[in-house]
Amino acid sequence: IVNKDFSEGIIEYDIIYDESHPFKYDPKLRPNKMVVKFKDNNTVNKIEGLSGSFSFAIVQNNQQNMNYTLINIFGKKLFFSEPLVDSLYPYAYSEMPKLSITKTDEEVKYMGLKCSKAIATLNDSAQHTFEILYTNELSINNPNRNTPFEEIDGVMLKFSVVLMKQNMQIVASTIKSMEISNDEFILPNDYEQVGEDTLEDIFELLQ
């Protein structure tokens, strides 16, 4: 159970994979946690894999109106920057299939928070649906701006994504109110800027 209505903190999620989808490396090397930090309506989503030798983060800085994709692969630190433009998704979501979201009137308690339920359908296929649980009891404005989930007007605690061709179910496991440094949401100065082609090559390598 968490204190409600805080606007600064951390959410940890478990990542559960669709095991029917092949993965070119040892499956044990895949990330199994995602961490989201939030403050002043800025967010950073981070996952790590390959036994810590790979990390991937999406930073949304609303004051700068910028989105940064940060990749650290075997110590090589790279970033790709994009302006936050309404209805335009960051590159990281480019492989996400078309998503249709139907909100329901159903409400459930999850981790002590009142959540609404929605059903998402991928590529208009009834065989590919998943449940979204989201809450308005955490104070982040428009938390899904510039994502395929922008219709969801709350913080998602259970949902699914397709990232690097892997189907991942993302389920919140810990929610904590805590102070977050402003440095989490700015571009680190030891990262080197790359273009979309390089980003595409890296994603291809990791699939």
Protein backbone atom coordinates (compact mmCIF):
# COMPACT_ATOMS: atom_id res chain seq x y z
CA ILE A 1 0.00 0.00 0.00
CA VAL A 2 1.38 3.41 -0.92
CA ASN A 3 0.74 7.00 0.08
CA LYS A 4 -1.44 8.56 -2.56
CA ASP A 5 -1.15 11.73 -4.58
CA PHE A 6 2.60 12.15 -4.41
CA SER A 7 4.25 13.79 -7.41
CA GLU A 8 7.83 12.58 -6.98
CA GLY A 9 9.02 9.02 -6.67
CA ILE A 10 9.79 5.72 -8.27
CA ILE A 11 7.78 2.81 -9.69
CA GLU A 12 9.42 -0.56 -10.27
CA TYR A 13 7.86 -3.00 -12.73
CA ASP A 14 8.43 -6.68 -13.46
CA ILE A 15 8.83 -7.59 -17.14
CA ILE A 16 7.19 -10.84 -18.25
CA TYR A 17 7.96 -12.14 -21.75
CA ASP A 18 5.95 -14.00 -24.34
CA GLU A 19 8.11 -17.15 -24.34
CA SER A 20 6.82 -18.24 -27.76
CA HIS A 21 8.89 -15.45 -29.34
CA PRO A 22 12.55 -16.33 -30.12
CA PHE A 23 15.39 -14.37 -28.56
CA LYS A 24 18.85 -14.64 -30.10
CA TYR A 25 20.72 -14.49 -26.76
CA ASP A 26 20.35 -16.52 -23.58
CA PRO A 27 16.83 -15.60 -22.33
CA LYS A 28 18.30 -15.14 -18.84
CA LEU A 29 20.11 -12.04 -20.18
CA ARG A 30 16.88 -10.25 -21.01
CA PRO A 31 15.85 -7.37 -18.73
CA ASN A 32 13.38 -8.44 -16.05
CA LYS A 33 12.79 -5.03 -14.41
CA MET A 34 11.78 -1.60 -15.57
CA VAL A 35 12.19 1.43 -13.30
CA VAL A 36 10.27 4.67 -13.77
CA LYS A 37 11.29 7.82 -11.89
CA PHE A 38 9.08 10.90 -11.94
CA LYS A 39 9.23 14.50 -10.71
CA ASP A 40 7.67 17.80 -11.87
CA ASN A 41 5.88 15.91 -14.67
CA ASN A 42 9.22 14.67 -16.03
CA THR A 43 9.78 10.92 -16.33
CA VAL A 44 12.61 8.51 -17.02
CA ASN A 45 11.90 4.85 -17.90
CA LYS A 46 14.92 2.58 -17.63
CA ILE A 47 15.58 -1.11 -18.29
CA GLU A 48 18.83 -3.04 -18.00
CA GLY A 49 19.82 -6.37 -19.54
CA LEU A 50 22.70 -8.56 -20.70
CA SER A 51 23.80 -8.93 -17.07
CA GLY A 52 24.14 -5.17 -16.63
CA SER A 53 26.19 -4.53 -19.78
CA PHE A 54 23.21 -2.93 -21.53
CA SER A 55 20.86 -0.20 -20.33
CA PHE A 56 18.15 1.62 -22.20
CA ALA A 57 16.30 4.70 -20.95
CA ILE A 58 13.64 7.03 -22.30
CA VAL A 59 13.75 10.47 -20.68
CA GLN A 60 10.88 12.92 -21.15
CA ASN A 61 11.75 16.44 -20.01
CA ASN A 62 8.65 18.59 -20.24
CA GLN A 63 10.42 21.82 -19.29
CA GLN A 64 12.82 21.37 -22.23
CA ASN A 65 10.06 19.78 -24.33
CA MET A 66 12.53 17.06 -25.31
CA ASN A 67 12.66 13.27 -25.38
CA TYR A 68 16.03 11.54 -25.00
CA THR A 69 16.72 7.88 -25.74
CA LEU A 70 19.85 6.85 -23.80
CA ILE A 71 21.69 3.63 -24.57
CA ASN A 72 24.72 2.28 -22.74
CA ILE A 73 25.98 -0.86 -24.46
CA PHE A 74 29.21 -2.44 -23.21
CA GLY A 75 30.29 0.97 -21.87
CA LYS A 76 29.57 2.84 -25.12
CA LYS A 77 27.17 5.66 -24.18
CA LEU A 78 24.90 7.00 -26.90
CA PHE A 79 21.88 9.29 -27.07
CA PHE A 80 19.21 10.17 -29.60
CA SER A 81 17.15 13.32 -29.05
CA GLU A 82 13.72 14.25 -30.36
CA PRO A 83 11.41 17.18 -29.59
CA LEU A 84 8.21 16.30 -27.75
CA VAL A 85 5.58 16.83 -30.44
CA ASP A 86 1.96 15.89 -29.80
CA SER A 87 0.86 12.72 -31.63
CA LEU A 88 4.44 11.94 -32.63
CA TYR A 89 5.97 8.95 -30.82
CA PRO A 90 9.65 8.64 -29.94
CA TYR A 91 11.70 6.25 -32.07
CA ALA A 92 11.67 3.59 -29.34
CA TYR A 93 7.96 3.00 -30.01
CA SER A 94 8.33 2.77 -33.80
CA GLU A 95 7.88 -1.02 -33.85
CA MET A 96 4.82 -0.99 -31.62
CA PRO A 97 1.84 -2.35 -33.58
CA LYS A 98 -1.24 -0.21 -34.08
CA LEU A 99 -3.06 0.04 -30.77
CA SER A 100 -6.79 0.49 -30.16
CA ILE A 101 -7.81 1.20 -26.57
CA THR A 102 -11.28 0.66 -25.11
CA LYS A 103 -11.88 2.04 -21.64
CA THR A 104 -14.25 0.14 -19.33
CA ASP A 105 -16.27 1.20 -16.29
CA GLU A 106 -14.56 -1.45 -14.22
CA GLU A 107 -12.53 -0.30 -11.23
CA VAL A 108 -10.14 -2.48 -9.25
CA LYS A 109 -7.74 -2.01 -6.35
CA TYR A 110 -4.12 -2.69 -7.22
CA MET A 111 -1.28 -2.11 -4.78
CA GLY A 112 -3.69 -0.15 -2.60
CA LEU A 113 -4.56 2.26 -5.41
CA LYS A 114 -7.90 2.67 -7.13
CA CYS A 115 -7.37 1.70 -10.77
CA SER A 116 -9.47 1.84 -13.90
CA LYS A 117 -9.32 -0.92 -16.45
CA ALA A 118 -8.97 -0.64 -20.23
CA ILE A 119 -8.58 -3.26 -22.94
CA ALA A 120 -5.99 -2.73 -25.68
CA THR A 121 -6.12 -4.48 -29.06
CA LEU A 122 -3.08 -4.79 -31.30
CA ASN A 123 -3.55 -4.39 -35.06
CA ASP A 124 -7.34 -4.73 -34.67
CA SER A 125 -6.91 -8.43 -33.90
CA ALA A 126 -9.20 -10.00 -31.30
CA GLN A 127 -6.48 -12.61 -30.66
CA HIS A 128 -4.04 -9.94 -29.52
CA THR A 129 -5.56 -8.07 -26.61
CA PHE A 130 -4.24 -7.15 -23.20
CA GLU A 131 -5.46 -5.46 -20.06
CA ILE A 132 -4.32 -2.02 -18.88
CA LEU A 133 -4.70 -0.97 -15.24
CA TYR A 134 -4.13 2.72 -14.60
CA THR A 135 -4.56 5.07 -11.66
CA ASN A 136 -5.15 8.78 -11.08
CA GLU A 137 -3.91 8.53 -7.50
CA LEU A 138 -0.31 9.36 -8.45
CA SER A 139 0.25 12.99 -9.41
CA ILE A 140 1.80 12.95 -12.87
CA ASN A 141 0.07 15.10 -15.47
CA ASN A 142 -0.47 13.47 -18.84
CA PRO A 143 1.95 10.60 -18.03
CA ASN A 144 1.51 8.85 -21.38
CA ARG A 145 2.06 11.86 -23.62
CA ASN A 146 3.94 10.95 -26.81
CA THR A 147 3.42 7.22 -26.38
CA PRO A 148 1.00 4.79 -28.04
CA PHE A 149 -0.93 4.93 -24.73
CA GLU A 150 -1.65 8.66 -24.77
CA GLU A 151 -5.41 8.03 -24.52
CA ILE A 152 -4.82 6.62 -21.02
CA ASP A 153 -5.15 9.56 -18.63
CA GLY A 154 -3.45 7.97 -15.64
CA VAL A 155 -0.30 6.18 -14.52
CA MET A 156 -0.28 2.64 -15.94
CA LEU A 157 0.47 -0.10 -13.41
CA LYS A 158 -0.14 -3.04 -15.74
CA PHE A 159 0.20 -3.03 -19.54
CA SER A 160 2.11 -4.60 -22.44
CA VAL A 161 4.57 -3.26 -25.02
CA VAL A 162 6.48 -4.52 -28.04
CA LEU A 163 10.09 -3.39 -27.72
CA MET A 164 12.95 -4.70 -29.85
CA LYS A 165 10.47 -7.19 -31.32
CA GLN A 166 9.87 -8.72 -27.87
CA ASN A 167 6.35 -8.82 -26.43
CA MET A 168 6.64 -7.70 -22.82
CA GLN A 169 4.00 -7.55 -20.12
CA ILE A 170 4.89 -4.79 -17.64
CA VAL A 171 3.48 -5.15 -14.10
CA ALA A 172 4.14 -2.73 -11.22
CA SER A 173 5.75 -4.37 -8.18
CA THR A 174 6.85 -1.40 -6.02
CA ILE A 175 5.72 2.22 -5.74
CA LYS A 176 7.67 4.61 -3.51
CA SER A 177 7.44 8.30 -2.72
CA MET A 178 11.01 9.61 -2.60
CA GLU A 179 13.15 12.56 -3.62
CA ILE A 180 14.47 12.31 -7.17
CA SER A 181 17.45 14.35 -8.36
CA ASN A 182 16.80 16.78 -11.24
CA ASP A 183 19.89 15.26 -12.89
CA GLU A 184 17.81 12.17 -13.76
CA PHE A 185 15.94 14.18 -16.40
CA ILE A 186 18.78 16.00 -18.14
CA LEU A 187 21.12 14.74 -20.82
CA PRO A 188 24.33 13.27 -19.30
CA ASN A 189 27.41 15.02 -20.70
CA ASP A 190 29.32 11.77 -21.30
CA TYR A 191 26.87 10.47 -23.92
CA GLU A 192 27.56 10.83 -27.65
CA GLN A 193 24.79 11.87 -30.03
CA VAL A 194 23.78 9.41 -32.77
CA GLY A 195 21.27 9.44 -35.60
CA GLU A 196 18.30 7.22 -36.28
CA ASP A 197 20.35 4.82 -38.45
CA THR A 198 22.69 3.98 -35.57
CA LEU A 199 19.75 3.54 -33.22
CA GLU A 200 18.15 1.16 -35.73
CA ASP A 201 21.39 -0.87 -35.93
CA ILE A 202 21.55 -1.19 -32.14
CA PHE A 203 17.92 -2.30 -31.89
CA GLU A 204 18.56 -4.85 -34.64
CA LEU A 205 21.59 -6.18 -32.76
CA LEU A 206 19.57 -6.68 -29.57
CA GLN A 207 16.54 -8.44 -31.07
